[in-house]
Protein backbone atom coordinates (compact mmCIF):
# COMPACT_ATOMS: atom_id res chain seq x y z
CA UNK A 1 -0.06 0.03 0.20
CA UNK A 2 3.26 2.13 0.77
CA UNK A 3 4.56 1.83 -2.62
CA UNK A 4 0.87 2.24 -4.58
CA UNK A 5 0.04 5.46 -2.53
CA UNK A 6 3.53 7.02 -2.16
CA UNK A 7 4.26 7.28 1.61
CA UNK A 8 3.08 10.53 2.08
CA UNK A 9 -0.21 9.80 1.29
CA UNK A 10 -0.02 7.01 3.25
CA UNK A 11 1.18 8.75 5.94
CA UNK A 12 -1.62 11.22 5.93
CA UNK A 13 -4.34 8.95 6.49
CA UNK A 14 -4.90 7.98 10.14
CA UNK A 15 -5.94 4.65 9.94
CA UNK A 16 -3.45 3.38 7.21
CA UNK A 17 -1.20 4.63 10.38
CA UNK A 18 -2.86 2.45 12.58
CA UNK A 19 -2.39 -0.27 10.13
CA UNK A 20 0.73 0.29 10.23
CA UNK A 21 1.18 -0.09 14.19
CA UNK A 22 -0.88 -2.73 14.57
CA UNK A 23 0.94 -4.88 11.61
CA UNK A 24 4.77 -3.91 12.95
CA UNK A 25 3.76 -4.67 16.37
CA UNK A 26 2.29 -8.45 14.85
CA UNK A 27 5.26 -8.95 13.28
CA UNK A 28 7.47 -7.70 16.11
CA UNK A 29 5.39 -10.44 18.49
CA UNK A 30 6.17 -13.34 15.63
CA UNK A 31 9.57 -12.66 16.06
CA UNK A 32 9.53 -12.75 20.06
CA UNK A 33 7.29 -16.33 20.08
CA UNK A 34 10.26 -18.20 18.47
CA UNK A 35 10.03 -17.45 14.91
CA UNK A 36 13.38 -15.45 15.47
CA UNK A 37 16.52 -16.77 15.28
CA UNK A 38 17.96 -14.34 17.66
CA UNK A 39 17.99 -15.62 20.92
CA UNK A 40 17.42 -12.21 22.51
CA UNK A 41 14.18 -11.54 21.16
CA UNK A 42 13.12 -14.81 21.80
CA UNK A 43 14.21 -14.22 25.55
CA UNK A 44 12.44 -10.93 26.05
CA UNK A 45 9.35 -12.40 28.03
CA UNK A 46 7.90 -8.97 28.09
CA UNK A 47 7.09 -8.95 23.97
CA UNK A 48 4.97 -11.52 24.67
CA UNK A 49 2.24 -9.63 26.30
CA UNK A 50 2.02 -7.91 22.97
CA UNK A 51 -1.00 -10.63 21.99
CA UNK A 52 -3.14 -7.85 23.91
CA UNK A 53 -2.39 -5.39 21.13
CA UNK A 54 -4.28 -7.24 18.62
CA UNK A 55 -7.61 -6.83 19.78
CA UNK A 56 -7.12 -3.11 18.75
CA UNK A 57 -7.38 -4.63 15.21
CA UNK A 58 -11.41 -4.84 16.02
CA UNK A 59 -10.76 -0.95 15.65
CA UNK A 60 -10.65 -1.50 12.30
CA UNK A 61 -14.34 -1.41 12.26
CA UNK A 62 -14.54 2.08 12.05
CA UNK A 63 -13.31 2.93 8.86
CA UNK A 64 -16.68 2.00 7.92
CA UNK A 65 -18.05 5.15 9.28
CA UNK A 66 -15.86 7.25 6.68
CA UNK A 67 -17.53 5.39 4.20
CA UNK A 68 -21.14 5.08 4.64
CA UNK A 69 -22.98 8.14 5.45
CA UNK A 70 -26.20 6.16 6.94
CA UNK A 71 -23.85 4.13 9.24
CA UNK A 72 -22.43 7.64 10.16
CA UNK A 73 -26.16 9.28 10.59
CA UNK A 74 -26.58 6.43 12.99
CA UNK A 75 -23.37 6.69 15.10
CA UNK A 76 -23.64 10.11 15.48
CA UNK A 77 -27.13 9.67 16.52
CA UNK A 78 -25.98 6.86 19.16
CA UNK A 79 -23.57 9.62 20.71
CA UNK A 80 -26.04 12.27 20.53
CA UNK A 81 -28.11 9.99 23.19
CA UNK A 82 -25.05 8.73 25.31
CA UNK A 83 -25.55 11.93 27.60
CA UNK A 84 -29.19 10.70 28.28
CA UNK A 85 -28.33 7.24 28.22
CA UNK A 86 -26.18 8.18 31.46
CA UNK A 87 -28.47 9.98 33.24
CA UNK A 88 -31.25 6.96 33.14
CA UNK A 89 -28.53 4.58 33.91
CA UNK A 90 -27.59 7.10 36.85
CA UNK A 91 -31.38 7.04 37.82
CA UNK A 92 -31.76 3.55 37.78
CA UNK A 93 -28.37 3.11 39.74
CA UNK A 94 -29.99 5.58 43.09
CA UNK A 95 -32.87 3.24 42.71
CA UNK A 96 -31.38 0.30 43.11
CA UNK A 97 -29.51 1.62 45.80
CA UNK A 98 -32.48 2.96 47.70
CA UNK A 99 -34.71 -0.12 47.61
CA UNK A 100 -31.28 -1.90 48.71
CA UNK A 101 -31.05 -0.01 51.76
CA UNK A 102 -35.27 -0.60 52.33
CA UNK A 103 -34.84 -4.50 51.90
CA UNK A 104 -31.81 -4.08 54.26
CA UNK A 105 -33.99 -2.46 56.95
CA UNK A 106 -37.28 -4.20 56.65
CA UNK A 107 -35.69 -7.97 55.79
CA UNK A 108 -32.27 -8.15 57.38
CA UNK A 109 -31.31 -10.67 59.96
CA UNK A 110 -34.68 -12.07 59.87
CA UNK A 111 -32.67 -15.60 58.88
CA UNK A 112 -31.62 -17.95 61.59
CA UNK A 113 -27.70 -18.05 61.49
CA UNK A 114 -28.01 -21.77 62.57
CA UNK A 115 -29.70 -22.55 59.38
CA UNK A 116 -26.34 -21.02 56.99
CA UNK A 117 -25.24 -23.90 54.63
CA UNK A 118 -21.77 -23.41 53.16
CA UNK A 119 -22.12 -23.59 49.34
CA UNK A 120 -25.82 -23.20 49.24
CA UNK A 121 -26.88 -20.41 51.36
CA UNK A 122 -23.25 -18.11 50.31
CA UNK A 123 -24.88 -16.05 47.24
CA UNK A 124 -21.18 -15.55 46.28
CA UNK A 125 -21.29 -19.42 45.11
CA UNK A 126 -24.68 -18.99 43.52
CA UNK A 127 -26.38 -19.98 46.15
CA UNK A 128 -29.69 -18.10 47.81
CA UNK A 129 -29.41 -14.47 48.26
CA UNK A 130 -30.46 -12.59 51.08
CA UNK A 131 -30.82 -8.99 52.25
CA UNK A 132 -28.12 -9.59 55.66
CA UNK A 133 -25.55 -7.44 54.11
CA UNK A 134 -25.12 -4.20 52.18
CA UNK A 135 -23.84 -5.85 49.14
CA UNK A 136 -26.44 -9.67 49.24
CA UNK A 137 -28.88 -6.90 49.71
CA UNK A 138 -27.26 -4.92 46.52
CA UNK A 139 -27.07 -8.27 44.61
CA UNK A 140 -30.56 -9.59 45.21
CA UNK A 141 -32.35 -6.26 44.18
CA UNK A 142 -30.59 -6.87 41.43
CA UNK A 143 -31.08 -10.22 40.96
CA UNK A 144 -34.84 -8.90 41.34
CA UNK A 145 -34.75 -6.14 38.69
CA UNK A 146 -33.39 -8.16 35.77
CA UNK A 147 -35.41 -11.76 37.27
CA UNK A 148 -32.48 -13.45 36.89
CA UNK A 149 -32.98 -16.52 39.10
């Protein structure tokens, strides 16, 4: 692509720079993992963590926003409505907190502590949730809100 477009035309496009970085890091990672005859590169453990950077390839999909006007309009609408969504999410979280506190005060401590069975009644292990602590109260309120279990 560099030879076809010329270096400066290639370098002016930000997506081309992004692709160049991804390809360069992938080549370094292949050399570091074991495809290299240079032992110094194979011994660098830090270069093996470059596998995580391959996930940035997903961002190449944003190139389509440049060419498809209808997709660009949808993206702009989603971004403009993000502020309203955040406000609604904060309001929902406040309701969740309020009802968790109300449940904690109304229903907390009603269970017999001697009837607790480890692994069955512990909500962290997938057991029954209760209003005995704030964490478990919040967890139970979230389960009721999402209609889970």
